[in-house]
Structure formats: C-alpha cells, structure tokens
PDB file of N, CA and C in Angstrom:
ATOM      1  N   GLU A   1       3.425  11.068  12.436  1.00  0.00           N
ATOM      2  CA  GLU A   1       3.618   9.706  12.925  1.00  0.00           C
ATOM      3  C   GLU A   1       4.141   8.837  11.792  1.00  0.00           C
ATOM      4  N   VAL A   2       5.226   8.141  12.075  1.00  0.00           N
ATOM      5  CA  VAL A   2       5.791   7.237  11.076  1.00  0.00           C
ATOM      6  C   VAL A   2       4.949   5.975  11.007  1.00  0.00           C
ATOM      7  N   GLN A   3       4.613   5.583   9.779  1.00  0.00           N
ATOM      8  CA  GLN A   3       3.912   4.317   9.567  1.00  0.00           C
ATOM      9  C   GLN A   3       4.630   3.525   8.491  1.00  0.00           C
ATOM     10  N   LEU A   4       4.880   2.265   8.804  1.00  0.00           N
ATOM     11  CA  LEU A   4       5.456   1.324   7.851  1.00  0.00           C
ATOM     12  C   LEU A   4       4.481   0.163   7.740  1.00  0.00           C
ATOM     13  N   VAL A   5       3.981  -0.082   6.539  1.00  0.00           N
ATOM     14  CA  VAL A   5       2.957  -1.101   6.349  1.00  0.00           C
ATOM     15  C   VAL A   5       3.453  -2.138   5.357  1.00  0.00           C
ATOM     16  N   GLU A   6       3.693  -3.340   5.880  1.00  0.00           N
ATOM     17  CA  GLU A   6       4.168  -4.439   5.039  1.00  0.00           C
ATOM     18  C   GLU A   6       2.988  -5.204   4.450  1.00  0.00           C
ATOM     19  N   SER A   7       3.209  -5.774   3.281  1.00  0.00           N
ATOM     20  CA  SER A   7       2.191  -6.600   2.636  1.00  0.00           C
ATOM     21  C   SER A   7       2.869  -7.577   1.694  1.00  0.00           C
ATOM     22  N   GLY A   8       2.094  -8.545   1.212  1.00  0.00           N
ATOM     23  CA  GLY A   8       2.602  -9.469   0.214  1.00  0.00           C
ATOM     24  C   GLY A   8       2.958 -10.849   0.730  1.00  0.00           C
ATOM     25  N   GLY A   9       2.858 -11.052   2.030  1.00  0.00           N
ATOM     26  CA  GLY A   9       3.164 -12.367   2.570  1.00  0.00           C
ATOM     27  C   GLY A   9       2.087 -13.386   2.224  1.00  0.00           C
ATOM     28  N   GLY A  10       2.358 -14.634   2.584  1.00  0.00           N
ATOM     29  CA  GLY A  10       1.389 -15.682   2.325  1.00  0.00           C
ATOM     30  C   GLY A  10       2.009 -17.043   2.455  1.00  0.00           C
ATOM     31  N   LEU A  11       1.263 -18.046   2.002  1.00  0.00           N
ATOM     32  CA  LEU A  11       1.715 -19.431   2.014  1.00  0.00           C
ATOM     33  C   LEU A  11       2.224 -19.790   0.626  1.00  0.00           C
ATOM     34  N   VAL A  12       3.410 -20.341   0.570  1.00  0.00           N
ATOM     35  CA  VAL A  12       4.009 -20.702  -0.714  1.00  0.00           C
ATOM     36  C   VAL A  12       4.730 -22.032  -0.558  1.00  0.00           C
ATOM     37  N   GLN A  13       4.794 -22.805  -1.625  1.00  0.00           N
ATOM     38  CA  GLN A  13       5.507 -24.073  -1.592  1.00  0.00           C
ATOM     39  C   GLN A  13       7.006 -23.847  -1.688  1.00  0.00           C
ATOM     40  N   PRO A  14       7.785 -24.779  -1.173  1.00  0.00           N
ATOM     41  CA  PRO A  14       9.251 -24.673  -1.337  1.00  0.00           C
ATOM     42  C   PRO A  14       9.608 -24.511  -2.810  1.00  0.00           C
ATOM     43  N   GLY A  15      10.550 -23.608  -3.065  1.00  0.00           N
ATOM     44  CA  GLY A  15      10.938 -23.304  -4.426  1.00  0.00           C
ATOM     45  C   GLY A  15      10.151 -22.180  -5.055  1.00  0.00           C
ATOM     46  N   GLY A  16       9.110 -21.744  -4.388  1.00  0.00           N
ATOM     47  CA  GLY A  16       8.266 -20.681  -4.917  1.00  0.00           C
ATOM     48  C   GLY A  16       8.819 -19.293  -4.664  1.00  0.00           C
ATOM     49  N   SER A  17       8.014 -18.309  -5.047  1.00  0.00           N
ATOM     50  CA  SER A  17       8.439 -16.912  -4.944  1.00  0.00           C
ATOM     51  C   SER A  17       7.350 -16.055  -4.318  1.00  0.00           C
ATOM     52  N   LEU A  18       7.777 -14.989  -3.672  1.00  0.00           N
ATOM     53  CA  LEU A  18       6.881 -13.966  -3.160  1.00  0.00           C
ATOM     54  C   LEU A  18       7.563 -12.612  -3.303  1.00  0.00           C
ATOM     55  N   ARG A  19       6.739 -11.576  -3.389  1.00  0.00           N
ATOM     56  CA  ARG A  19       7.275 -10.220  -3.389  1.00  0.00           C
ATOM     57  C   ARG A  19       6.609  -9.432  -2.265  1.00  0.00           C
ATOM     58  N   LEU A  20       7.428  -9.013  -1.318  1.00  0.00           N
ATOM     59  CA  LEU A  20       6.922  -8.220  -0.213  1.00  0.00           C
ATOM     60  C   LEU A  20       7.043  -6.730  -0.541  1.00  0.00           C
ATOM     61  N   SER A  21       6.119  -5.964  -0.012  1.00  0.00           N
ATOM     62  CA  SER A  21       6.159  -4.511  -0.156  1.00  0.00           C
ATOM     63  C   SER A  21       6.046  -3.864   1.209  1.00  0.00           C
ATOM     64  N   CYS A  22       6.607  -2.682   1.338  1.00  0.00           N
ATOM     65  CA  CYS A  22       6.488  -1.893   2.562  1.00  0.00           C
ATOM     66  C   CYS A  22       6.268  -0.449   2.144  1.00  0.00           C
ATOM     67  N   THR A  23       5.117   0.073   2.480  1.00  0.00           N
ATOM     68  CA  THR A  23       4.792   1.457   2.150  1.00  0.00           C
ATOM     69  C   THR A  23       5.007   2.324   3.382  1.00  0.00           C
ATOM     70  N   ALA A  24       5.755   3.398   3.212  1.00  0.00           N
ATOM     71  CA  ALA A  24       6.120   4.261   4.333  1.00  0.00           C
ATOM     72  C   ALA A  24       5.411   5.606   4.254  1.00  0.00           C
ATOM     73  N   SER A  25       5.073   6.141   5.402  1.00  0.00           N
ATOM     74  CA  SER A  25       4.521   7.485   5.481  1.00  0.00           C
ATOM     75  C   SER A  25       5.009   8.128   6.778  1.00  0.00           C
ATOM     76  N   GLY A  26       4.961   9.457   6.806  1.00  0.00           N
ATOM     77  CA  GLY A  26       5.368  10.167   8.010  1.00  0.00           C
ATOM     78  C   GLY A  26       6.873  10.333   8.169  1.00  0.00           C
ATOM     79  N   LEU A  27       7.629   9.993   7.143  1.00  0.00           N
ATOM     80  CA  LEU A  27       9.073  10.191   7.164  1.00  0.00           C
ATOM     81  C   LEU A  27       9.537  10.582   5.781  1.00  0.00           C
ATOM     82  N   VAL A  28      10.731  11.158   5.731  1.00  0.00           N
ATOM     83  CA  VAL A  28      11.318  11.492   4.435  1.00  0.00           C
ATOM     84  C   VAL A  28      11.973  10.222   3.927  1.00  0.00           C
ATOM     85  N   PHE A  29      11.249   9.495   3.108  1.00  0.00           N
ATOM     86  CA  PHE A  29      11.652   8.142   2.738  1.00  0.00           C
ATOM     87  C   PHE A  29      13.033   8.123   2.107  1.00  0.00           C
ATOM     88  N   ASN A  30      13.308   9.041   1.203  1.00  0.00           N
ATOM     89  CA  ASN A  30      14.581   8.961   0.493  1.00  0.00           C
ATOM     90  C   ASN A  30      15.748   9.472   1.324  1.00  0.00           C
ATOM     91  N   ASN A  31      15.520   9.849   2.570  1.00  0.00           N
ATOM     92  CA  ASN A  31      16.584  10.167   3.505  1.00  0.00           C
ATOM     93  C   ASN A  31      16.938   8.985   4.411  1.00  0.00           C
ATOM     94  N   ASN A  32      16.245   7.878   4.214  1.00  0.00           N
ATOM     95  CA  ASN A  32      16.425   6.724   5.081  1.00  0.00           C
ATOM     96  C   ASN A  32      16.955   5.517   4.334  1.00  0.00           C
ATOM     97  N   ALA A  33      18.076   4.962   4.825  1.00  0.00           N
ATOM     98  CA  ALA A  33      18.395   3.598   4.435  1.00  0.00           C
ATOM     99  C   ALA A  33      17.306   2.719   5.025  1.00  0.00           C
ATOM    100  N   MET A  34      16.952   1.658   4.314  1.00  0.00           N
ATOM    101  CA  MET A  34      15.854   0.796   4.766  1.00  0.00           C
ATOM    102  C   MET A  34      16.325  -0.650   4.840  1.00  0.00           C
ATOM    103  N   SER A  35      15.647  -1.413   5.640  1.00  0.00           N
ATOM    104  CA  SER A  35      16.038  -2.809   5.831  1.00  0.00           C
ATOM    105  C   SER A  35      14.822  -3.712   5.925  1.00  0.00           C
ATOM    106  N   TRP A  36      15.067  -4.989   5.720  1.00  0.00           N
ATOM    107  CA  TRP A  36      14.108  -6.039   6.035  1.00  0.00           C
ATOM    108  C   TRP A  36      14.715  -6.915   7.138  1.00  0.00           C
ATOM    109  N   ALA A  37      13.883  -7.316   8.054  1.00  0.00           N
ATOM    110  CA  ALA A  37      14.268  -8.245   9.106  1.00  0.00           C
ATOM    111  C   ALA A  37      13.157  -9.288   9.217  1.00  0.00           C
ATOM    112  N   ARG A  38      13.459 -10.394   9.865  1.00  0.00           N
ATOM    113  CA  ARG A  38      12.449 -11.437  10.017  1.00  0.00           C
ATOM    114  C   ARG A  38      12.575 -12.110  11.381  1.00  0.00           C
ATOM    115  N   GLN A  39      11.474 -12.671  11.804  1.00  0.00           N
ATOM    116  CA  GLN A  39      11.462 -13.407  13.062  1.00  0.00           C
ATOM    117  C   GLN A  39      10.737 -14.729  12.855  1.00  0.00           C
ATOM    118  N   ALA A  40      11.499 -15.796  12.944  1.00  0.00           N
ATOM    119  CA  ALA A  40      10.934 -17.132  12.806  1.00  0.00           C
ATOM    120  C   ALA A  40      10.305 -17.554  14.124  1.00  0.00           C
ATOM    121  N   PRO A  41       9.397 -18.517  14.074  1.00  0.00           N
ATOM    122  CA  PRO A  41       8.735 -18.977  15.303  1.00  0.00           C
ATOM    123  C   PRO A  41       9.748 -19.406  16.347  1.00  0.00           C
ATOM    124  N   GLY A  42       9.651 -18.859  17.545  1.00  0.00           N
ATOM    125  CA  GLY A  42      10.517 -19.240  18.646  1.00  0.00           C
ATOM    126  C   GLY A  42      11.937 -18.715  18.573  1.00  0.00           C
ATOM    127  N   LYS A  43      12.197 -17.814  17.622  1.00  0.00           N
ATOM    128  CA  LYS A  43      13.555 -17.283  17.461  1.00  0.00           C
ATOM    129  C   LYS A  43      13.551 -15.763  17.561  1.00  0.00           C
ATOM    130  N   GLY A  44      14.743 -15.211  17.656  1.00  0.00           N
ATOM    131  CA  GLY A  44      14.881 -13.769  17.745  1.00  0.00           C
ATOM    132  C   GLY A  44      14.809 -13.104  16.379  1.00  0.00           C
ATOM    133  N   LEU A  45      14.837 -11.779  16.403  1.00  0.00           N
ATOM    134  CA  LEU A  45      14.781 -11.012  15.170  1.00  0.00           C
ATOM    135  C   LEU A  45      16.093 -11.154  14.410  1.00  0.00           C
ATOM    136  N   GLU A  46      16.007 -11.414  13.123  1.00  0.00           N
ATOM    137  CA  GLU A  46      17.179 -11.604  12.274  1.00  0.00           C
ATOM    138  C   GLU A  46      17.182 -10.576  11.150  1.00  0.00           C
ATOM    139  N   TRP A  47      18.291  -9.864  11.003  1.00  0.00           N
ATOM    140  CA  TRP A  47      18.438  -8.959   9.870  1.00  0.00           C
ATOM    141  C   TRP A  47      18.526  -9.766   8.580  1.00  0.00           C
ATOM    142  N   VAL A  48      17.854  -9.303   7.527  1.00  0.00           N
ATOM    143  CA  VAL A  48      17.833 -10.003   6.243  1.00  0.00           C
ATOM    144  C   VAL A  48      18.572  -9.221   5.157  1.00  0.00           C
ATOM    145  N   SER A  49      18.236  -7.940   5.022  1.00  0.00           N
ATOM    146  CA  SER A  49      18.805  -7.173   3.917  1.00  0.00           C
ATOM    147  C   SER A  49      18.638  -5.689   4.179  1.00  0.00           C
ATOM    148  N   SER A  50      19.536  -4.892   3.594  1.00  0.00           N
ATOM    149  CA  SER A  50      19.453  -3.434   3.697  1.00  0.00           C
ATOM    150  C   SER A  50      19.716  -2.806   2.340  1.00  0.00           C
ATOM    151  N   ILE A  51      19.241  -1.590   2.178  1.00  0.00           N
ATOM    152  CA  ILE A  51      19.443  -0.842   0.940  1.00  0.00           C
ATOM    153  C   ILE A  51      19.715   0.614   1.290  1.00  0.00           C
ATOM    154  N   SER A  52      20.654   1.205   0.571  1.00  0.00           N
ATOM    155  CA  SER A  52      21.014   2.592   0.829  1.00  0.00           C
ATOM    156  C   SER A  52      19.899   3.533   0.379  1.00  0.00           C
ATOM    157  N   ARG A  53      20.066   4.805   0.708  1.00  0.00           N
ATOM    158  CA  ARG A  53      19.003   5.777   0.441  1.00  0.00           C
ATOM    159  C   ARG A  53      18.659   5.879  -1.032  1.00  0.00           C
ATOM    160  N   ASP A  54      19.681   5.781  -1.886  1.00  0.00           N
ATOM    161  CA  ASP A  54      19.406   5.892  -3.321  1.00  0.00           C
ATOM    162  C   ASP A  54      19.271   4.549  -4.018  1.00  0.00           C
ATOM    163  N   GLY A  55      19.379   3.476  -3.248  1.00  0.00           N
ATOM    164  CA  GLY A  55      19.240   2.142  -3.815  1.00  0.00           C
ATOM    165  C   GLY A  55      20.500   1.594  -4.433  1.00  0.00           C
ATOM    166  N   GLY A  56      21.572   2.339  -4.376  1.00  0.00           N
ATOM    167  CA  GLY A  56      22.783   1.918  -5.058  1.00  0.00           C
ATOM    168  C   GLY A  56      23.590   0.853  -4.337  1.00  0.00           C
ATOM    169  N   ILE A  57      23.361   0.722  -3.041  1.00  0.00           N
ATOM    170  CA  ILE A  57      24.102  -0.273  -2.250  1.00  0.00           C
ATOM    171  C   ILE A  57      23.103  -1.186  -1.563  1.00  0.00           C
ATOM    172  N   THR A  58      23.286  -2.482  -1.744  1.00  0.00           N
ATOM    173  CA  THR A  58      22.431  -3.477  -1.099  1.00  0.00           C
ATOM    174  C   THR A  58      23.304  -4.511  -0.402  1.00  0.00           C
ATOM    175  N   THR A  59      22.823  -5.005   0.715  1.00  0.00           N
ATOM    176  CA  THR A  59      23.526  -6.043   1.457  1.00  0.00           C
ATOM    177  C   THR A  59      22.518  -7.105   1.898  1.00  0.00           C
ATOM    178  N   TYR A  60      23.027  -8.323   2.088  1.00  0.00           N
ATOM    179  CA  TYR A  60      22.164  -9.451   2.420  1.00  0.00           C
ATOM    180  C   TYR A  60      22.838 -10.354   3.447  1.00  0.00           C
ATOM    181  N   THR A  61      22.033 -10.977   4.273  1.00  0.00           N
ATOM    182  CA  THR A  61      22.563 -12.020   5.120  1.00  0.00           C
ATOM    183  C   THR A  61      22.892 -13.222   4.233  1.00  0.00           C
ATOM    184  N   ASP A  62      23.885 -13.996   4.631  1.00  0.00           N
ATOM    185  CA  ASP A  62      24.392 -15.067   3.765  1.00  0.00           C
ATOM    186  C   ASP A  62      23.308 -16.048   3.328  1.00  0.00           C
ATOM    187  N   SER A  63      22.379 -16.347   4.205  1.00  0.00           N
ATOM    188  CA  SER A  63      21.396 -17.392   3.908  1.00  0.00           C
ATOM    189  C   SER A  63      20.428 -17.019   2.787  1.00  0.00           C
ATOM    190  N   VAL A  64      20.361 -15.740   2.416  1.00  0.00           N
ATOM    191  CA  VAL A  64      19.428 -15.341   1.354  1.00  0.00           C
ATOM    192  C   VAL A  64      20.139 -14.804   0.114  1.00  0.00           C
ATOM    193  N   LYS A  65      21.447 -14.706   0.160  1.00  0.00           N
ATOM    194  CA  LYS A  65      22.185 -14.192  -0.999  1.00  0.00           C
ATOM    195  C   LYS A  65      21.915 -15.033  -2.229  1.00  0.00           C
ATOM    196  N   GLY A  66      21.656 -14.355  -3.349  1.00  0.00           N
ATOM    197  CA  GLY A  66      21.376 -15.053  -4.593  1.00  0.00           C
ATOM    198  C   GLY A  66      19.933 -15.483  -4.744  1.00  0.00           C
ATOM    199  N   ARG A  67      19.139 -15.369  -3.670  1.00  0.00           N
ATOM    200  CA  ARG A  67      17.723 -15.759  -3.747  1.00  0.00           C
ATOM    201  C   ARG A  67      16.787 -14.562  -3.535  1.00  0.00           C
ATOM    202  N   PHE A  68      17.182 -13.628  -2.705  1.00  0.00           N
ATOM    203  CA  PHE A  68      16.363 -12.449  -2.390  1.00  0.00           C
ATOM    204  C   PHE A  68      16.966 -11.216  -3.042  1.00  0.00           C
ATOM    205  N   LYS A  69      16.084 -10.280  -3.373  1.00  0.00           N
ATOM    206  CA  LYS A  69      16.532  -9.004  -3.933  1.00  0.00           C
ATOM    207  C   LYS A  69      15.746  -7.862  -3.293  1.00  0.00           C
ATOM    208  N   ILE A  70      16.472  -6.932  -2.683  1.00  0.00           N
ATOM    209  CA  ILE A  70      15.846  -5.762  -2.079  1.00  0.00           C
ATOM    210  C   ILE A  70      15.882  -4.618  -3.081  1.00  0.00           C
ATOM    211  N   SER A  71      14.837  -3.822  -3.101  1.00  0.00           N
ATOM    212  CA  SER A  71      14.793  -2.657  -3.979  1.00  0.00           C
ATOM    213  C   SER A  71      13.860  -1.615  -3.370  1.00  0.00           C
ATOM    214  N   ARG A  72      13.872  -0.448  -3.954  1.00  0.00           N
ATOM    215  CA  ARG A  72      13.016   0.619  -3.436  1.00  0.00           C
ATOM    216  C   ARG A  72      12.592   1.533  -4.565  1.00  0.00           C
ATOM    217  N   ASP A  73      11.454   2.171  -4.378  1.00  0.00           N
ATOM    218  CA  ASP A  73      10.952   3.172  -5.306  1.00  0.00           C
ATOM    219  C   ASP A  73      10.710   4.434  -4.476  1.00  0.00           C
ATOM    220  N   ASN A  74      11.644   5.356  -4.509  1.00  0.00           N
ATOM    221  CA  ASN A  74      11.532   6.541  -3.673  1.00  0.00           C
ATOM    222  C   ASN A  74      10.360   7.436  -4.087  1.00  0.00           C
ATOM    223  N   ALA A  75       9.967   7.379  -5.337  1.00  0.00           N
ATOM    224  CA  ALA A  75       8.821   8.174  -5.782  1.00  0.00           C
ATOM    225  C   ALA A  75       7.516   7.667  -5.175  1.00  0.00           C
ATOM    226  N   LYS A  76       7.492   6.387  -4.818  1.00  0.00           N
ATOM    227  CA  LYS A  76       6.291   5.775  -4.242  1.00  0.00           C
ATOM    228  C   LYS A  76       6.423   5.508  -2.749  1.00  0.00           C
ATOM    229  N   ASN A  77       7.557   5.929  -2.155  1.00  0.00           N
ATOM    230  CA  ASN A  77       7.803   5.664  -0.727  1.00  0.00           C
ATOM    231  C   ASN A  77       7.618   4.182  -0.393  1.00  0.00           C
ATOM    232  N   THR A  78       8.128   3.320  -1.236  1.00  0.00           N
ATOM    233  CA  THR A  78       7.895   1.888  -1.088  1.00  0.00           C
ATOM    234  C   THR A  78       9.201   1.103  -1.174  1.00  0.00           C
ATOM    235  N   LEU A  79       9.306   0.148  -0.276  1.00  0.00           N
ATOM    236  CA  LEU A  79      10.422  -0.782  -0.214  1.00  0.00           C
ATOM    237  C   LEU A  79       9.916  -2.154  -0.637  1.00  0.00           C
ATOM    238  N   TYR A  80      10.760  -2.917  -1.320  1.00  0.00           N
ATOM    239  CA  TYR A  80      10.365  -4.242  -1.793  1.00  0.00           C
ATOM    240  C   TYR A  80      11.373  -5.297  -1.356  1.00  0.00           C
ATOM    241  N   LEU A  81      10.900  -6.527  -1.291  1.00  0.00           N
ATOM    242  CA  LEU A  81      11.782  -7.675  -1.126  1.00  0.00           C
ATOM    243  C   LEU A  81      11.255  -8.782  -2.023  1.00  0.00           C
ATOM    244  N   GLU A  82      11.994  -9.054  -3.075  1.00  0.00           N
ATOM    245  CA  GLU A  82      11.648 -10.149  -3.971  1.00  0.00           C
ATOM    246  C   GLU A  82      12.344 -11.395  -3.463  1.00  0.00           C
ATOM    247  N   MET A  83      11.556 -12.422  -3.197  1.00  0.00           N
ATOM    248  CA  MET A  83      12.088 -13.649  -2.604  1.00  0.00           C
ATOM    249  C   MET A  83      11.843 -14.800  -3.560  1.00  0.00           C
ATOM    250  N   ASN A  84      12.916 -15.455  -3.975  1.00  0.00           N
ATOM    251  CA  ASN A  84      12.841 -16.577  -4.910  1.00  0.00           C
ATOM    252  C   ASN A  84      13.429 -17.825  -4.272  1.00  0.00           C
ATOM    253  N   ARG A  85      13.115 -18.951  -4.858  1.00  0.00           N
ATOM    254  CA  ARG A  85      13.620 -20.258  -4.379  1.00  0.00           C
ATOM    255  C   ARG A  85      13.457 -20.363  -2.865  1.00  0.00           C
ATOM    256  N   LEU A  86      12.257 -20.100  -2.417  1.00  0.00           N
ATOM    257  CA  LEU A  86      11.996 -20.078  -0.986  1.00  0.00           C
ATOM    258  C   LEU A  86      12.159 -21.455  -0.365  1.00  0.00           C
ATOM    259  N   LYS A  87      12.621 -21.451   0.880  1.00  0.00           N
ATOM    260  CA  LYS A  87      12.864 -22.670   1.639  1.00  0.00           C
ATOM    261  C   LYS A  87      12.002 -22.656   2.904  1.00  0.00           C
ATOM    262  N   PRO A  88      11.717 -23.808   3.467  1.00  0.00           N
ATOM    263  CA  PRO A  88      10.948 -23.831   4.715  1.00  0.00           C
ATOM    264  C   PRO A  88      11.582 -22.972   5.811  1.00  0.00           C
ATOM    265  N   GLU A  89      12.894 -22.904   5.829  1.00  0.00           N
ATOM    266  CA  GLU A  89      13.566 -22.099   6.860  1.00  0.00           C
ATOM    267  C   GLU A  89      13.418 -20.597   6.652  1.00  0.00           C
ATOM    268  N   ASP A  90      12.816 -20.191   5.545  1.00  0.00           N
ATOM    269  CA  ASP A  90      12.495 -18.767   5.340  1.00  0.00           C
ATOM    270  C   ASP A  90      11.180 -18.385   6.017  1.00  0.00           C
ATOM    271  N   THR A  91      10.474 -19.369   6.554  1.00  0.00           N
ATOM    272  CA  THR A  91       9.214 -19.090   7.237  1.00  0.00           C
ATOM    273  C   THR A  91       9.452 -18.160   8.418  1.00  0.00           C
ATOM    274  N   ALA A  92       8.734 -17.038   8.424  1.00  0.00           N
ATOM    275  CA  ALA A  92       8.925 -16.031   9.470  1.00  0.00           C
ATOM    276  C   ALA A  92       7.936 -14.893   9.253  1.00  0.00           C
ATOM    277  N   VAL A  93       7.852 -14.028  10.230  1.00  0.00           N
ATOM    278  CA  VAL A  93       7.197 -12.733  10.038  1.00  0.00           C
ATOM    279  C   VAL A  93       8.277 -11.770   9.554  1.00  0.00           C
ATOM    280  N   TYR A  94       7.996 -11.112   8.443  1.00  0.00           N
ATOM    281  CA  TYR A  94       8.957 -10.196   7.838  1.00  0.00           C
ATOM    282  C   TYR A  94       8.558  -8.753   8.145  1.00  0.00           C
ATOM    283  N   TYR A  95       9.548  -7.973   8.575  1.00  0.00           N
ATOM    284  CA  TYR A  95       9.339  -6.575   8.940  1.00  0.00           C
ATOM    285  C   TYR A  95      10.232  -5.679   8.103  1.00  0.00           C
ATOM    286  N   CYS A  96       9.722  -4.523   7.744  1.00  0.00           N
ATOM    287  CA  CYS A  96      10.612  -3.503   7.195  1.00  0.00           C
ATOM    288  C   CYS A  96      10.996  -2.549   8.321  1.00  0.00           C
ATOM    289  N   GLU A  97      12.179  -2.004   8.212  1.00  0.00           N
ATOM    290  CA  GLU A  97      12.707  -1.082   9.218  1.00  0.00           C
ATOM    291  C   GLU A  97      13.239   0.165   8.548  1.00  0.00           C
ATOM    292  N   ASP A  98      13.018   1.305   9.212  1.00  0.00           N
ATOM    293  CA  ASP A  98      13.570   2.536   8.658  1.00  0.00           C
ATOM    294  C   ASP A  98      14.933   2.815   9.291  1.00  0.00           C
ATOM    295  N   GLY A  99      15.487   3.955   8.990  1.00  0.00           N
ATOM    296  CA  GLY A  99      16.817   4.290   9.476  1.00  0.00           C
ATOM    297  C   GLY A  99      16.912   4.476  10.978  1.00  0.00           C
ATOM    298  N   SER A 100      15.767   4.588  11.643  1.00  0.00           N
ATOM    299  CA  SER A 100      15.736   4.692  13.102  1.00  0.00           C
ATOM    300  C   SER A 100      15.271   3.401  13.755  1.00  0.00           C
ATOM    301  N   SER A 101      15.319   2.308  13.003  1.00  0.00           N
ATOM    302  CA  SER A 101      14.948   0.973  13.493  1.00  0.00           C
ATOM    303  C   SER A 101      13.487   0.854  13.881  1.00  0.00           C
ATOM    304  N   ARG A 102      12.656   1.726  13.337  1.00  0.00           N
ATOM    305  CA  ARG A 102      11.213   1.550  13.547  1.00  0.00           C
ATOM    306  C   ARG A 102      10.719   0.480  12.586  1.00  0.00           C
ATOM    307  N   ARG A 103       9.778  -0.316  13.038  1.00  0.00           N
ATOM    308  CA  ARG A 103       9.257  -1.425  12.227  1.00  0.00           C
ATOM    309  C   ARG A 103       7.759  -1.339  12.064  1.00  0.00           C
ATOM    310  N   GLY A 104       7.282  -1.970  11.012  1.00  0.00           N
ATOM    311  CA  GLY A 104       5.849  -2.096  10.824  1.00  0.00           C
ATOM    312  C   GLY A 104       5.308  -3.273  11.610  1.00  0.00           C
ATOM    313  N   GLN A 105       4.080  -3.677  11.265  1.00  0.00           N
ATOM    314  CA  GLN A 105       3.424  -4.773  11.992  1.00  0.00           C
ATOM    315  C   GLN A 105       3.851  -6.136  11.472  1.00  0.00           C
ATOM    316  N   GLY A 106       4.494  -6.147  10.315  1.00  0.00           N
ATOM    317  CA  GLY A 106       5.000  -7.385   9.753  1.00  0.00           C
ATOM    318  C   GLY A 106       4.005  -8.085   8.846  1.00  0.00           C
ATOM    319  N   THR A 107       4.550  -8.977   8.021  1.00  0.00           N
ATOM    320  CA  THR A 107       3.725  -9.807   7.145  1.00  0.00           C
ATOM    321  C   THR A 107       4.253 -11.237   7.228  1.00  0.00           C
ATOM    322  N   GLN A 108       3.342 -12.180   7.363  1.00  0.00           N
ATOM    323  CA  GLN A 108       3.720 -13.581   7.579  1.00  0.00           C
ATOM    324  C   GLN A 108       4.068 -14.243   6.253  1.00  0.00           C
ATOM    325  N   VAL A 109       5.201 -14.908   6.236  1.00  0.00           N
ATOM    326  CA  VAL A 109       5.603 -15.741   5.099  1.00  0.00           C
ATOM    327  C   VAL A 109       5.735 -17.171   5.604  1.00  0.00           C
ATOM    328  N   THR A 110       5.005 -18.075   4.976  1.00  0.00           N
ATOM    329  CA  THR A 110       5.055 -19.480   5.346  1.00  0.00           C
ATOM    330  C   THR A 110       5.424 -20.290   4.119  1.00  0.00           C
ATOM    331  N   VAL A 111       6.507 -21.048   4.237  1.00  0.00           N
ATOM    332  CA  VAL A 111       6.977 -21.886   3.132  1.00  0.00           C
ATOM    333  C   VAL A 111       6.772 -23.338   3.543  1.00  0.00           C
ATOM    334  N   SER A 112       5.830 -23.973   2.886  1.00  0.00           N
ATOM    335  CA  SER A 112       5.470 -25.332   3.274  1.00  0.00           C
ATOM    336  C   SER A 112       4.766 -26.028   2.120  1.00  0.00           C
ATOM    337  N   SER A 113       4.978 -27.335   2.042  1.00  0.00           N
ATOM    338  CA  SER A 113       4.274 -28.128   1.039  1.00  0.00           C
ATOM    339  C   SER A 113       2.994 -28.710   1.628  1.00  0.00           C
TER     340      SER A 113
END
C-alpha cells in the first residue's frame, strides 16, 4: 500500500518560512517524479511544483517561483518543499503527489498576522 505522509505545516506570519516534508512508503520512490499541490479554502486543487526522479529538473507555478524550492532525498524516501517569503495567498492544504497522482492527507499552511 502506497503511503504519502506530509508534515511541517503550521501558522506563520507573512514573510516567514516553512519547510514541508513528505515521507513515502510502499513505492519505489526514486522511480517516481514527485509533486506538491495545494488547495486553498473554497478553491480547486492547484499544482505548485514538481521534481524529476533524480532531482535534476524542477518546475514551479509562476506564483511561487523564486520563493519556494522543491527537493528530494531518495535515500530517505522523502520529498521537501522549502517555502520562503510566504504570503497570505499561500494559505492552503499542501499535498505531495507521486507519479500516479496519489496524494497524502495533506498538511495545513496558514499565513496570517
């Protein structure tokens, strides 16, 4: 059974930083490109960022370019999302996704003063 477990969310002030983690089990992690997606209150799911199997290629949605950084540690079966200069509009539940679009339960990120 594939399990993706996100962690690291919380409440942060505008301009602050958070680092999300996603630990995977039940899949060959280094055979999967991985992604982060988010869902803001009352909105649909939005793709945020993706990373290739070896970590050499990363892509981002325009609204987070230059502020977020996706990375992975294949030895630890873990995906990361470093989020800097957070804005209120980044408030959402953040999900990691594997190469088959399976998602974890998500972790809440709230950016508010």
